[in-house]
């Protein structure tokens, strides 16, 4: 079922105030009915884009979240980044990482909601904050590989040493 852009704009605009109240910078892009969210503080690592996507079922609304990391892949590091992203993704509790054709890393995930009701602001905002924290945490590994500071072969070892992998 296609997404009505006016409806999506209204639904996503309702998240502006509660996200702003907890310190996020929020912009609603009218033409694409996308919410752009930036984390508070200088040195923010990414911009989060939120939109509504078509669903194969009429009673489900898909809220897509795409965080674009601000750092780019260093020249010559594409193969290492391509190898490291699945390693990091395996240990993330939600979402996945992907490299686009421009060498930027994206963290993506989707939230399924009931399309017969308005978006549950609290559920969506909690999900955004949780994913933001995960993105910050796992983003350190992404950044080091993108910068060419560590090879993909060391990522899992470093994650294990930091306690980000539970072998138990």
Protein backbone atom coordinates (compact mmCIF):
# COMPACT_ATOMS: atom_id res chain seq x y z
CA UNK A 1 0.00 0.00 0.00
CA UNK A 2 1.57 3.35 -1.01
CA UNK A 3 2.29 6.00 1.61
CA UNK A 4 0.26 9.21 1.51
CA UNK A 5 2.93 11.92 1.87
CA UNK A 6 0.57 14.39 3.56
CA UNK A 7 -0.40 11.74 6.13
CA UNK A 8 3.27 10.84 6.70
CA UNK A 9 4.14 14.51 7.15
CA UNK A 10 1.46 14.92 9.84
CA UNK A 11 2.43 11.69 11.64
CA UNK A 12 6.14 12.47 11.68
CA UNK A 13 5.64 16.15 12.57
CA UNK A 14 4.04 15.00 15.83
CA UNK A 15 7.47 13.68 16.90
CA UNK A 16 9.13 17.09 16.51
CA UNK A 17 8.19 18.55 19.88
CA UNK A 18 8.89 15.53 22.12
CA UNK A 19 12.28 14.92 20.43
CA UNK A 20 13.18 18.61 20.73
CA UNK A 21 12.27 18.53 24.43
CA UNK A 22 14.89 15.83 25.08
CA UNK A 23 17.57 17.80 23.25
CA UNK A 24 17.51 16.59 19.65
CA UNK A 25 17.63 19.00 16.72
CA UNK A 26 14.71 18.05 14.48
CA UNK A 27 13.75 19.16 10.97
CA UNK A 28 10.78 17.95 8.97
CA UNK A 29 11.51 17.78 5.25
CA UNK A 30 8.16 18.61 3.68
CA UNK A 31 8.64 17.30 0.11
CA UNK A 32 9.88 13.87 1.20
CA UNK A 33 7.91 13.72 4.49
CA UNK A 34 11.13 12.72 6.25
CA UNK A 35 12.21 13.64 9.76
CA UNK A 36 15.89 14.58 10.10
CA UNK A 37 17.25 14.27 13.62
CA UNK A 38 20.66 15.28 14.93
CA UNK A 39 22.04 14.22 18.24
CA UNK A 40 22.66 16.94 20.82
CA UNK A 41 26.15 18.34 21.27
CA UNK A 42 29.03 19.17 19.03
CA UNK A 43 30.75 16.37 17.18
CA UNK A 44 27.56 14.50 16.44
CA UNK A 45 28.49 11.41 14.46
CA UNK A 46 25.39 11.04 12.34
CA UNK A 47 22.11 12.36 11.04
CA UNK A 48 19.06 10.15 11.48
CA UNK A 49 16.41 10.18 8.75
CA UNK A 50 13.00 8.76 9.63
CA UNK A 51 10.23 8.05 7.15
CA UNK A 52 7.18 5.91 6.63
CA UNK A 53 7.51 3.05 4.16
CA UNK A 54 4.95 0.92 2.33
CA UNK A 55 4.03 -2.35 4.01
CA UNK A 56 2.75 -5.54 2.39
CA UNK A 57 0.03 -5.70 5.05
CA UNK A 58 -2.67 -3.03 5.39
CA UNK A 59 -2.63 -3.13 9.20
CA UNK A 60 1.13 -2.55 9.53
CA UNK A 61 2.97 0.74 9.14
CA UNK A 62 6.73 0.59 8.71
CA UNK A 63 8.83 3.37 10.19
CA UNK A 64 12.23 3.30 8.51
CA UNK A 65 15.25 4.73 10.26
CA UNK A 66 18.47 5.46 8.39
CA UNK A 67 21.39 6.97 10.28
CA UNK A 68 24.11 8.31 8.04
CA UNK A 69 27.49 8.51 9.77
CA UNK A 70 29.29 11.79 9.07
CA UNK A 71 32.73 10.34 8.52
CA UNK A 72 33.69 8.99 5.14
CA UNK A 73 35.68 5.94 4.22
CA UNK A 74 39.36 6.72 3.70
CA UNK A 75 40.78 6.11 0.27
CA UNK A 76 41.86 2.49 0.06
CA UNK A 77 39.78 1.40 3.09
CA UNK A 78 36.61 0.32 1.24
CA UNK A 79 37.52 -3.40 1.30
CA UNK A 80 38.27 -3.24 5.04
CA UNK A 81 35.02 -1.39 5.78
CA UNK A 82 33.05 -3.83 3.62
CA UNK A 83 34.57 -6.72 5.59
CA UNK A 84 34.12 -5.07 9.02
CA UNK A 85 30.46 -4.02 8.76
CA UNK A 86 28.99 -7.56 8.88
CA UNK A 87 31.24 -8.37 11.86
CA UNK A 88 29.97 -5.33 13.78
CA UNK A 89 26.35 -5.88 12.66
CA UNK A 90 26.37 -9.46 14.01
CA UNK A 91 26.87 -8.07 17.50
CA UNK A 92 24.36 -5.23 17.34
CA UNK A 93 21.04 -6.10 19.05
CA UNK A 94 19.02 -4.28 16.35
CA UNK A 95 19.62 -2.87 12.89
CA UNK A 96 22.37 -3.38 10.40
CA UNK A 97 25.25 -1.43 8.89
CA UNK A 98 25.77 -0.84 5.17
CA UNK A 99 28.19 1.06 2.95
CA UNK A 100 26.74 3.20 0.18
CA UNK A 101 28.34 3.92 -3.18
CA UNK A 102 29.68 7.24 -1.88
CA UNK A 103 31.67 5.50 0.87
CA UNK A 104 29.36 6.59 3.70
CA UNK A 105 28.24 4.11 6.33
CA UNK A 106 24.56 3.84 7.22
CA UNK A 107 22.96 2.21 10.25
CA UNK A 108 19.43 1.11 9.37
CA UNK A 109 16.49 -0.44 11.11
CA UNK A 110 12.72 -0.62 10.77
CA UNK A 111 9.97 -0.36 13.38
CA UNK A 112 6.62 -2.01 12.65
CA UNK A 113 3.57 -0.27 14.10
CA UNK A 114 -0.20 -0.65 13.90
CA UNK A 115 -1.41 1.40 10.92
CA UNK A 116 -4.92 1.68 12.40
CA UNK A 117 -3.61 3.98 15.14
CA UNK A 118 -1.52 7.13 15.28
CA UNK A 119 2.17 6.62 15.82
CA UNK A 120 2.94 5.82 19.43
CA UNK A 121 5.27 8.74 20.17
CA UNK A 122 6.71 7.14 23.29
CA UNK A 123 7.51 3.86 21.52
CA UNK A 124 9.10 5.62 18.52
CA UNK A 125 11.10 8.05 20.66
CA UNK A 126 12.34 5.27 22.95
CA UNK A 127 13.42 3.31 19.87
CA UNK A 128 15.21 6.36 18.44
CA UNK A 129 17.08 7.05 21.69
CA UNK A 130 18.03 3.37 22.09
CA UNK A 131 19.30 3.13 18.53
CA UNK A 132 21.14 6.43 18.90
CA UNK A 133 23.03 5.02 21.89
CA UNK A 134 23.85 1.82 20.01
CA UNK A 135 24.98 3.82 17.03
CA UNK A 136 27.31 5.92 19.18
CA UNK A 137 28.69 2.82 20.86
CA UNK A 138 29.31 0.69 17.77
CA UNK A 139 30.18 3.76 15.71
CA UNK A 140 33.60 3.89 17.34
CA UNK A 141 34.56 0.64 15.60
CA UNK A 142 33.08 1.85 12.32
CA UNK A 143 35.01 5.12 12.50
CA UNK A 144 38.34 3.42 13.24
CA UNK A 145 37.97 1.10 10.24
CA UNK A 146 36.74 3.93 7.98
CA UNK A 147 39.76 6.02 8.95
CA UNK A 148 42.08 3.12 8.21
CA UNK A 149 43.20 2.97 11.86
CA UNK A 150 42.35 -0.71 12.32
CA UNK A 151 41.84 -3.58 9.86
CA UNK A 152 38.61 -5.57 9.76
CA UNK A 153 40.51 -8.63 11.04
CA UNK A 154 40.99 -6.91 14.43
CA UNK A 155 37.42 -5.66 14.92
CA UNK A 156 36.02 -8.78 16.57
CA UNK A 157 39.05 -9.08 18.87
CA UNK A 158 38.71 -5.43 19.94
CA UNK A 159 34.97 -5.85 20.48
CA UNK A 160 35.62 -8.91 22.64
CA UNK A 161 38.29 -7.07 24.69
CA UNK A 162 35.86 -4.17 25.24
CA UNK A 163 33.13 -6.55 26.43
CA UNK A 164 30.89 -5.95 23.40
CA UNK A 165 30.81 -9.64 22.58
CA UNK A 166 29.37 -12.11 25.05
CA UNK A 167 30.75 -15.57 24.32
CA UNK A 168 28.71 -17.10 27.14
